[in-house]
Protein backbone atom coordinates (compact mmCIF):
# COMPACT_ATOMS: atom_id res chain seq x y z
CA UNK A 1 0.00 0.00 0.00
CA UNK A 2 1.28 3.44 -0.73
CA UNK A 3 -0.06 6.82 0.16
CA UNK A 4 1.53 10.12 -0.81
CA UNK A 5 0.30 13.07 1.19
CA UNK A 6 0.96 16.74 1.10
CA UNK A 7 0.72 17.92 4.69
CA UNK A 8 0.38 21.64 4.11
CA UNK A 9 2.75 24.53 4.32
CA UNK A 10 1.66 26.41 1.21
CA UNK A 11 -1.23 28.67 2.21
CA UNK A 12 -2.64 28.70 -1.32
CA UNK A 13 -3.03 24.92 -1.38
CA UNK A 14 -5.41 22.78 0.66
CA UNK A 15 -3.90 21.53 3.94
CA UNK A 16 -4.16 17.86 2.93
CA UNK A 17 -3.96 16.63 -0.60
CA UNK A 18 -3.63 12.95 -1.47
CA UNK A 19 -1.82 12.16 -4.71
CA UNK A 20 -1.91 8.37 -4.96
CA UNK A 21 -3.99 6.20 -2.72
CA UNK A 22 -4.19 2.47 -3.14
CA UNK A 23 -5.34 1.60 0.35
CA UNK A 24 -8.48 -0.60 0.46
CA UNK A 25 -11.62 1.43 -0.23
CA UNK A 26 -13.41 0.25 2.93
CA UNK A 27 -10.44 1.33 5.07
CA UNK A 28 -10.32 4.76 3.37
CA UNK A 29 -14.04 5.29 3.90
CA UNK A 30 -13.74 4.32 7.57
CA UNK A 31 -10.68 6.58 8.03
CA UNK A 32 -12.36 9.56 6.40
CA UNK A 33 -15.78 9.07 8.01
CA UNK A 34 -14.17 9.11 11.45
CA UNK A 35 -12.00 12.18 10.80
CA UNK A 36 -8.78 10.35 11.58
CA UNK A 37 -6.67 12.57 9.31
CA UNK A 38 -6.36 15.15 12.10
CA UNK A 39 -5.33 12.53 14.67
CA UNK A 40 -3.16 10.12 12.67
CA UNK A 41 0.21 9.60 14.36
CA UNK A 42 1.97 9.08 11.01
CA UNK A 43 1.64 12.63 9.63
CA UNK A 44 2.08 14.14 13.09
CA UNK A 45 5.34 12.25 13.59
CA UNK A 46 6.54 12.95 10.05
CA UNK A 47 6.51 16.69 10.79
CA UNK A 48 9.12 16.05 13.50
CA UNK A 49 11.40 13.82 11.47
CA UNK A 50 13.60 13.81 8.43
CA UNK A 51 14.42 10.10 8.39
CA UNK A 52 11.94 7.33 7.57
CA UNK A 53 10.34 5.46 10.44
CA UNK A 54 8.21 2.45 11.26
CA UNK A 55 4.85 3.07 12.89
CA UNK A 56 5.49 0.22 15.35
CA UNK A 57 8.65 1.96 16.61
CA UNK A 58 6.87 5.26 17.16
CA UNK A 59 3.57 4.08 18.59
CA UNK A 60 5.16 2.18 21.46
CA UNK A 61 6.62 5.34 23.02
CA UNK A 62 3.66 7.70 22.63
CA UNK A 63 0.77 8.44 24.95
CA UNK A 64 -2.15 8.24 22.53
CA UNK A 65 -5.22 10.43 22.62
CA UNK A 66 -8.59 8.67 22.65
CA UNK A 67 -8.99 9.23 18.89
CA UNK A 68 -5.45 7.96 18.19
CA UNK A 69 -6.12 4.86 20.29
CA UNK A 70 -9.36 4.33 18.38
CA UNK A 71 -7.45 4.49 15.08
CA UNK A 72 -4.72 2.18 16.37
CA UNK A 73 -7.24 -0.39 17.62
CA UNK A 74 -9.18 -0.22 14.35
CA UNK A 75 -5.95 -0.77 12.39
CA UNK A 76 -5.07 -3.83 14.45
CA UNK A 77 -8.60 -5.20 14.00
CA UNK A 78 -8.37 -4.55 10.25
CA UNK A 79 -5.14 -6.51 10.05
CA UNK A 80 -2.50 -3.83 9.54
CA UNK A 81 0.84 -5.05 10.86
CA UNK A 82 3.01 -1.98 10.30
CA UNK A 83 3.50 1.14 8.22
CA UNK A 84 6.75 2.55 6.87
CA UNK A 85 6.62 6.34 6.68
CA UNK A 86 8.94 8.55 4.64
CA UNK A 87 8.70 12.24 5.59
CA UNK A 88 9.16 14.66 2.72
CA UNK A 89 10.31 18.20 3.51
CA UNK A 90 10.94 20.75 0.82
CA UNK A 91 10.99 24.39 -0.16
CA UNK A 92 8.34 26.80 1.03
CA UNK A 93 7.76 24.73 4.18
CA UNK A 94 6.41 21.87 2.05
CA UNK A 95 5.65 18.85 4.18
CA UNK A 96 4.62 15.53 2.78
CA UNK A 97 4.49 11.90 3.68
CA UNK A 98 4.73 8.67 1.72
CA UNK A 99 3.44 5.62 3.58
CA UNK A 100 3.68 1.94 2.79
CA UNK A 101 1.59 -0.44 4.87
CA UNK A 102 1.70 -4.18 5.33
CA UNK A 103 -0.78 -6.76 6.52
CA UNK A 104 1.98 -9.36 6.90
CA UNK A 105 4.77 -9.62 9.45
CA UNK A 106 7.95 -8.48 7.71
CA UNK A 107 11.62 -8.32 8.48
CA UNK A 108 13.14 -5.52 6.42
CA UNK A 109 16.88 -4.85 6.37
CA UNK A 110 18.40 -1.38 6.54
CA UNK A 111 19.39 -1.73 2.88
CA UNK A 112 15.80 -2.59 1.94
CA UNK A 113 14.55 0.40 3.96
CA UNK A 114 16.96 2.60 2.01
CA UNK A 115 15.53 1.27 -1.26
CA UNK A 116 11.97 1.93 -0.02
CA UNK A 117 12.97 5.46 0.98
CA UNK A 118 14.51 6.11 -2.44
CA UNK A 119 11.41 4.80 -4.17
CA UNK A 120 9.16 6.96 -1.96
CA UNK A 121 11.16 10.11 -2.70
CA UNK A 122 11.13 9.38 -6.43
CA UNK A 123 7.38 8.81 -6.31
CA UNK A 124 6.86 12.08 -4.46
CA UNK A 125 9.02 13.98 -6.95
CA UNK A 126 7.00 12.51 -9.80
CA UNK A 127 3.76 13.58 -8.07
CA UNK A 128 5.07 17.12 -7.64
CA UNK A 129 5.70 17.37 -11.36
CA UNK A 130 2.27 16.01 -12.30
Foldseek 3Di string as FASTA:
>chain_A
DKWKWWQDLDPVDDRIDIQDDDDDPVVVVVCVVLVCVVFAPQQVVLLVDQAKDKPVVPVVPDDGDPSNVVVVVVCVVVQWDIKIKHWDADPSRITMIMIDTDSDDDDADPVRSVVVNVVRVVVVVVSVVD
